[in-house]
Amino acid sequence: MSHTDPPAPRTGRPRSTAADAAILEATRASLVDLGWSKLTMGDVATRAGV
């Protein structure tokens, strides 16, 4: 039988489902408005408010 260690506890702040949803929506909007070649993480973060 194989033995696996339990997953390590996550560090840092817990993930926010609201922030995840805002980031996904901001990414979609940025892609529509700017296109793939001009998409930046900064633009997505600004639009998402994170």
N, C-alpha and C. Protein backbone atom coordinates (compact mmCIF):
# COMPACT_ATOMS: atom_id res chain seq x y z
N MET A 1 0.84 -1.17 0.00
CA MET A 1 0.00 0.00 0.00
C MET A 1 0.89 1.24 0.00
N SER A 2 0.44 2.23 -0.69
CA SER A 2 1.21 3.47 -0.71
C SER A 2 0.72 4.39 0.39
N HIS A 3 1.65 5.17 0.90
CA HIS A 3 1.33 6.12 1.96
C HIS A 3 1.62 7.53 1.44
N THR A 4 0.64 8.39 1.56
CA THR A 4 0.85 9.77 1.14
C THR A 4 0.70 10.68 2.35
N ASP A 5 1.53 11.69 2.40
CA ASP A 5 1.46 12.66 3.48
C ASP A 5 0.27 13.58 3.25
N PRO A 6 -0.32 14.05 4.33
CA PRO A 6 -1.43 15.00 4.16
C PRO A 6 -0.91 16.30 3.55
N PRO A 7 -1.75 17.02 2.82
CA PRO A 7 -1.30 18.26 2.20
C PRO A 7 -0.88 19.27 3.27
N ALA A 8 0.13 20.05 2.93
CA ALA A 8 0.61 21.08 3.85
C ALA A 8 -0.45 22.17 3.99
N PRO A 9 -0.55 22.75 5.17
CA PRO A 9 -1.54 23.83 5.33
C PRO A 9 -1.16 25.03 4.47
N ARG A 10 -2.17 25.72 3.98
CA ARG A 10 -1.92 26.90 3.15
C ARG A 10 -1.41 28.03 4.04
N THR A 11 -0.54 28.82 3.48
CA THR A 11 -0.04 29.98 4.20
C THR A 11 -0.63 31.24 3.59
N GLY A 12 -0.61 32.31 4.34
CA GLY A 12 -1.12 33.58 3.82
C GLY A 12 -2.61 33.73 4.03
N ARG A 13 -3.13 34.72 3.39
CA ARG A 13 -4.55 35.07 3.52
C ARG A 13 -5.41 34.06 2.77
N PRO A 14 -6.55 33.67 3.34
CA PRO A 14 -7.44 32.75 2.61
C PRO A 14 -7.95 33.38 1.32
N ARG A 15 -8.17 32.56 0.31
CA ARG A 15 -8.67 33.07 -0.98
C ARG A 15 -10.10 33.55 -0.83
N SER A 16 -10.40 34.61 -1.54
CA SER A 16 -11.74 35.19 -1.53
C SER A 16 -12.46 34.80 -2.81
N THR A 17 -13.62 34.17 -2.68
CA THR A 17 -14.37 33.80 -3.89
C THR A 17 -14.86 35.05 -4.62
N ALA A 18 -15.16 36.11 -3.87
CA ALA A 18 -15.59 37.36 -4.52
C ALA A 18 -14.45 37.96 -5.33
N ALA A 19 -13.23 37.94 -4.79
CA ALA A 19 -12.08 38.46 -5.53
C ALA A 19 -11.80 37.61 -6.76
N ASP A 20 -11.90 36.29 -6.61
CA ASP A 20 -11.69 35.40 -7.76
C ASP A 20 -12.68 35.72 -8.88
N ALA A 21 -13.94 35.92 -8.52
CA ALA A 21 -14.96 36.24 -9.52
C ALA A 21 -14.69 37.59 -10.17
N ALA A 22 -14.27 38.57 -9.37
CA ALA A 22 -13.97 39.90 -9.91
C ALA A 22 -12.79 39.84 -10.87
N ILE A 23 -11.79 39.04 -10.55
CA ILE A 23 -10.61 38.90 -11.42
C ILE A 23 -11.00 38.24 -12.73
N LEU A 24 -11.82 37.20 -12.68
CA LEU A 24 -12.26 36.54 -13.91
C LEU A 24 -13.06 37.48 -14.80
N GLU A 25 -13.98 38.23 -14.20
CA GLU A 25 -14.79 39.17 -14.98
C GLU A 25 -13.92 40.28 -15.55
N ALA A 26 -12.97 40.78 -14.77
CA ALA A 26 -12.07 41.83 -15.26
C ALA A 26 -11.20 41.31 -16.40
N THR A 27 -10.78 40.06 -16.32
CA THR A 27 -9.98 39.47 -17.39
C THR A 27 -10.80 39.38 -18.67
N ARG A 28 -12.04 38.92 -18.56
CA ARG A 28 -12.91 38.85 -19.75
C ARG A 28 -13.10 40.23 -20.37
N ALA A 29 -13.39 41.22 -19.53
CA ALA A 29 -13.62 42.58 -20.04
C ALA A 29 -12.36 43.14 -20.69
N SER A 30 -11.21 42.89 -20.09
CA SER A 30 -9.95 43.38 -20.65
C SER A 30 -9.67 42.73 -22.00
N LEU A 31 -9.93 41.44 -22.11
CA LEU A 31 -9.71 40.75 -23.38
C LEU A 31 -10.61 41.31 -24.47
N VAL A 32 -11.86 41.59 -24.14
CA VAL A 32 -12.79 42.15 -25.12
C VAL A 32 -12.35 43.55 -25.52
N ASP A 33 -12.00 44.38 -24.55
CA ASP A 33 -11.64 45.77 -24.83
C ASP A 33 -10.26 45.93 -25.46
N LEU A 34 -9.28 45.15 -24.98
CA LEU A 34 -7.89 45.37 -25.38
C LEU A 34 -7.33 44.30 -26.32
N GLY A 35 -7.84 43.09 -26.22
CA GLY A 35 -7.27 41.98 -26.98
C GLY A 35 -6.12 41.35 -26.22
N TRP A 36 -5.77 40.15 -26.64
CA TRP A 36 -4.74 39.36 -25.96
C TRP A 36 -3.39 40.07 -25.94
N SER A 37 -3.00 40.69 -27.03
CA SER A 37 -1.65 41.26 -27.13
C SER A 37 -1.45 42.47 -26.23
N LYS A 38 -2.53 43.13 -25.81
CA LYS A 38 -2.39 44.31 -24.95
C LYS A 38 -2.87 44.06 -23.51
N LEU A 39 -3.27 42.85 -23.23
CA LEU A 39 -3.74 42.51 -21.88
C LEU A 39 -2.57 42.56 -20.91
N THR A 40 -2.77 43.23 -19.77
CA THR A 40 -1.73 43.26 -18.73
C THR A 40 -2.34 42.88 -17.39
N MET A 41 -1.50 42.36 -16.51
CA MET A 41 -1.96 42.03 -15.16
C MET A 41 -2.40 43.29 -14.43
N GLY A 42 -1.70 44.39 -14.68
CA GLY A 42 -2.05 45.65 -14.04
C GLY A 42 -3.44 46.12 -14.42
N ASP A 43 -3.79 45.98 -15.69
CA ASP A 43 -5.12 46.37 -16.13
C ASP A 43 -6.19 45.50 -15.48
N VAL A 44 -5.94 44.21 -15.43
CA VAL A 44 -6.91 43.30 -14.81
C VAL A 44 -7.06 43.63 -13.32
N ALA A 45 -5.95 43.86 -12.63
CA ALA A 45 -6.00 44.17 -11.20
C ALA A 45 -6.75 45.47 -10.94
N THR A 46 -6.51 46.47 -11.78
CA THR A 46 -7.20 47.75 -11.62
C THR A 46 -8.70 47.58 -11.83
N ARG A 47 -9.07 46.88 -12.89
CA ARG A 47 -10.49 46.66 -13.17
C ARG A 47 -11.17 45.84 -12.07
N ALA A 48 -10.43 44.88 -11.52
CA ALA A 48 -11.00 44.01 -10.49
C ALA A 48 -11.00 44.66 -9.11
N GLY A 49 -10.21 45.71 -8.96
CA GLY A 49 -10.12 46.37 -7.66
C GLY A 49 -9.35 45.58 -6.63
N VAL A 50 -8.36 44.85 -7.09
CA VAL A 50 -7.53 44.06 -6.17
C VAL A 50 -6.08 44.51 -6.22
